[in-house]
Amino acid sequence: MASQKPDVLPLAVSPEGAAEILSVPVRRVYQLLATGELRGYKDGKRRCIPTVELRAYVERRMAEAHA
């Protein structure tokens, strides 16, 4: 019997993971990071984007769309 991992949401994801979550190309994620529309941090050589930032970005976009 295989053990199942509990569903745990990550606190941060890679740019590739962020692109998958947002359904955009990875290049777009890097553009958003460069302009400050998405905030992230580096941990060693790895860039991380907090999932709370992804949620805030989507909420801002939705507010703009309905303004």
N, C-alpha and C. Protein backbone atom coordinates (compact mmCIF):
# COMPACT_ATOMS: atom_id res chain seq x y z
N MET A 1 0.86 -1.18 0.00
CA MET A 1 0.00 0.00 0.00
C MET A 1 0.90 1.24 0.00
N ALA A 2 0.72 2.09 -0.98
CA ALA A 2 1.54 3.29 -1.10
C ALA A 2 1.01 4.36 -0.16
N SER A 3 1.94 5.03 0.50
CA SER A 3 1.53 6.12 1.38
C SER A 3 1.33 7.38 0.56
N GLN A 4 0.34 8.16 0.91
CA GLN A 4 0.05 9.38 0.19
C GLN A 4 0.61 10.57 0.96
N LYS A 5 1.17 11.53 0.22
CA LYS A 5 1.63 12.76 0.83
C LYS A 5 0.41 13.63 1.11
N PRO A 6 0.39 14.27 2.28
CA PRO A 6 -0.72 15.19 2.52
C PRO A 6 -0.64 16.38 1.57
N ASP A 7 -1.77 16.95 1.24
CA ASP A 7 -1.79 18.13 0.37
C ASP A 7 -1.31 19.33 1.16
N VAL A 8 -0.09 19.75 0.88
CA VAL A 8 0.51 20.90 1.54
C VAL A 8 0.86 21.92 0.48
N LEU A 9 0.35 23.11 0.62
CA LEU A 9 0.66 24.16 -0.33
C LEU A 9 2.01 24.77 0.01
N PRO A 10 2.86 24.99 -0.98
CA PRO A 10 4.16 25.58 -0.70
C PRO A 10 4.03 27.05 -0.33
N LEU A 11 4.97 27.54 0.48
CA LEU A 11 4.99 28.96 0.82
C LEU A 11 5.58 29.79 -0.31
N ALA A 12 6.46 29.17 -1.12
CA ALA A 12 7.08 29.87 -2.24
C ALA A 12 7.32 28.86 -3.36
N VAL A 13 7.37 29.39 -4.58
CA VAL A 13 7.60 28.54 -5.75
C VAL A 13 8.66 29.17 -6.63
N SER A 14 9.18 28.38 -7.54
CA SER A 14 10.16 28.86 -8.51
C SER A 14 9.44 29.69 -9.57
N PRO A 15 10.17 30.44 -10.38
CA PRO A 15 9.52 31.15 -11.49
C PRO A 15 8.75 30.20 -12.41
N GLU A 16 9.27 29.00 -12.62
CA GLU A 16 8.56 28.01 -13.43
C GLU A 16 7.24 27.61 -12.77
N GLY A 17 7.29 27.41 -11.45
CA GLY A 17 6.08 27.07 -10.72
C GLY A 17 5.07 28.21 -10.73
N ALA A 18 5.57 29.44 -10.61
CA ALA A 18 4.69 30.61 -10.66
C ALA A 18 4.04 30.73 -12.03
N ALA A 19 4.82 30.47 -13.08
CA ALA A 19 4.27 30.52 -14.43
C ALA A 19 3.16 29.51 -14.60
N GLU A 20 3.36 28.33 -14.06
CA GLU A 20 2.33 27.29 -14.16
C GLU A 20 1.07 27.70 -13.39
N ILE A 21 1.24 28.24 -12.20
CA ILE A 21 0.10 28.66 -11.39
C ILE A 21 -0.68 29.77 -12.07
N LEU A 22 0.06 30.74 -12.64
CA LEU A 22 -0.58 31.90 -13.28
C LEU A 22 -1.01 31.63 -14.72
N SER A 23 -0.59 30.51 -15.27
CA SER A 23 -0.88 30.16 -16.67
C SER A 23 -0.30 31.19 -17.63
N VAL A 24 0.94 31.56 -17.38
CA VAL A 24 1.66 32.50 -18.24
C VAL A 24 3.03 31.90 -18.55
N PRO A 25 3.71 32.42 -19.57
CA PRO A 25 5.07 31.95 -19.86
C PRO A 25 6.04 32.35 -18.74
N VAL A 26 7.09 31.60 -18.57
CA VAL A 26 8.10 31.90 -17.55
C VAL A 26 8.69 33.29 -17.81
N ARG A 27 8.87 33.62 -19.09
CA ARG A 27 9.39 34.94 -19.45
C ARG A 27 8.54 36.05 -18.84
N ARG A 28 7.22 35.87 -18.81
CA ARG A 28 6.32 36.88 -18.23
C ARG A 28 6.55 37.01 -16.72
N VAL A 29 6.80 35.90 -16.05
CA VAL A 29 7.07 35.95 -14.61
C VAL A 29 8.33 36.77 -14.35
N TYR A 30 9.37 36.55 -15.14
CA TYR A 30 10.59 37.34 -14.98
C TYR A 30 10.34 38.82 -15.26
N GLN A 31 9.48 39.13 -16.22
CA GLN A 31 9.13 40.54 -16.49
C GLN A 31 8.43 41.15 -15.28
N LEU A 32 7.50 40.39 -14.70
CA LEU A 32 6.77 40.89 -13.53
C LEU A 32 7.71 41.10 -12.35
N LEU A 33 8.68 40.23 -12.19
CA LEU A 33 9.67 40.40 -11.12
C LEU A 33 10.52 41.64 -11.39
N ALA A 34 10.92 41.85 -12.64
CA ALA A 34 11.78 42.98 -13.00
C ALA A 34 11.08 44.32 -12.78
N THR A 35 9.77 44.36 -13.02
CA THR A 35 9.02 45.61 -12.86
C THR A 35 8.50 45.81 -11.44
N GLY A 36 8.63 44.80 -10.60
CA GLY A 36 8.16 44.91 -9.22
C GLY A 36 6.69 44.55 -9.05
N GLU A 37 6.04 44.13 -10.14
CA GLU A 37 4.63 43.72 -10.02
C GLU A 37 4.50 42.44 -9.20
N LEU A 38 5.54 41.62 -9.23
CA LEU A 38 5.64 40.43 -8.39
C LEU A 38 6.91 40.59 -7.56
N ARG A 39 6.82 40.28 -6.28
CA ARG A 39 8.00 40.33 -5.43
C ARG A 39 8.49 38.92 -5.17
N GLY A 40 9.79 38.77 -5.15
CA GLY A 40 10.40 37.49 -4.88
C GLY A 40 11.70 37.70 -4.13
N TYR A 41 12.39 36.62 -3.89
CA TYR A 41 13.67 36.70 -3.20
C TYR A 41 14.57 35.60 -3.74
N LYS A 42 15.85 35.75 -3.46
CA LYS A 42 16.81 34.73 -3.86
C LYS A 42 17.26 33.98 -2.62
N ASP A 43 17.33 32.68 -2.74
CA ASP A 43 17.85 31.81 -1.69
C ASP A 43 19.03 31.09 -2.32
N GLY A 44 20.23 31.62 -2.10
CA GLY A 44 21.37 31.12 -2.84
C GLY A 44 21.23 31.55 -4.28
N LYS A 45 21.29 30.61 -5.19
CA LYS A 45 21.11 30.91 -6.62
C LYS A 45 19.67 30.77 -7.05
N ARG A 46 18.84 30.24 -6.18
CA ARG A 46 17.45 29.95 -6.53
C ARG A 46 16.55 31.15 -6.27
N ARG A 47 15.74 31.52 -7.25
CA ARG A 47 14.76 32.59 -7.07
C ARG A 47 13.45 31.97 -6.61
N CYS A 48 12.85 32.61 -5.60
CA CYS A 48 11.60 32.12 -5.03
C CYS A 48 10.56 33.23 -5.04
N ILE A 49 9.33 32.84 -5.30
CA ILE A 49 8.21 33.78 -5.30
C ILE A 49 7.18 33.26 -4.30
N PRO A 50 6.94 34.02 -3.24
CA PRO A 50 5.94 33.58 -2.26
C PRO A 50 4.56 33.43 -2.90
N THR A 51 3.87 32.38 -2.55
CA THR A 51 2.54 32.16 -3.12
C THR A 51 1.58 33.27 -2.73
N VAL A 52 1.79 33.90 -1.59
CA VAL A 52 0.95 35.03 -1.19
C VAL A 52 1.11 36.17 -2.19
N GLU A 53 2.30 36.32 -2.78
CA GLU A 53 2.52 37.34 -3.82
C GLU A 53 1.73 37.02 -5.08
N LEU A 54 1.67 35.74 -5.42
CA LEU A 54 0.90 35.34 -6.61
C LEU A 54 -0.57 35.66 -6.41
N ARG A 55 -1.07 35.36 -5.23
CA ARG A 55 -2.48 35.62 -4.93
C ARG A 55 -2.76 37.13 -4.97
N ALA A 56 -1.85 37.93 -4.39
CA ALA A 56 -2.02 39.38 -4.38
C ALA A 56 -1.98 39.94 -5.80
N TYR A 57 -1.11 39.41 -6.64
CA TYR A 57 -1.02 39.85 -8.03
C TYR A 57 -2.35 39.59 -8.76
N VAL A 58 -2.88 38.39 -8.60
CA VAL A 58 -4.15 38.05 -9.26
C VAL A 58 -5.28 38.94 -8.73
N GLU A 59 -5.31 39.19 -7.44
CA GLU A 59 -6.35 40.05 -6.87
C GLU A 59 -6.24 41.47 -7.41
N ARG A 60 -5.00 42.00 -7.56
CA ARG A 60 -4.82 43.33 -8.14
C ARG A 60 -5.30 43.37 -9.57
N ARG A 61 -4.97 42.33 -10.34
CA ARG A 61 -5.40 42.28 -11.74
C ARG A 61 -6.92 42.22 -11.86
N MET A 62 -7.54 41.45 -10.97
CA MET A 62 -9.00 41.35 -10.98
C MET A 62 -9.64 42.69 -10.62
N ALA A 63 -9.07 43.40 -9.65
CA ALA A 63 -9.59 44.71 -9.26
C ALA A 63 -9.46 45.69 -10.42
N GLU A 64 -8.35 45.64 -11.14
CA GLU A 64 -8.16 46.51 -12.31
C GLU A 64 -9.17 46.18 -13.40
N ALA A 65 -9.45 44.91 -13.57
CA ALA A 65 -10.38 44.49 -14.62
C ALA A 65 -11.81 44.92 -14.34
N HIS A 66 -12.12 45.08 -13.06
CA HIS A 66 -13.50 45.43 -12.68
C HIS A 66 -13.62 46.87 -12.23
N ALA A 67 -12.61 47.68 -12.50
CA ALA A 67 -12.65 49.10 -12.09
C ALA A 67 -13.35 49.95 -13.11
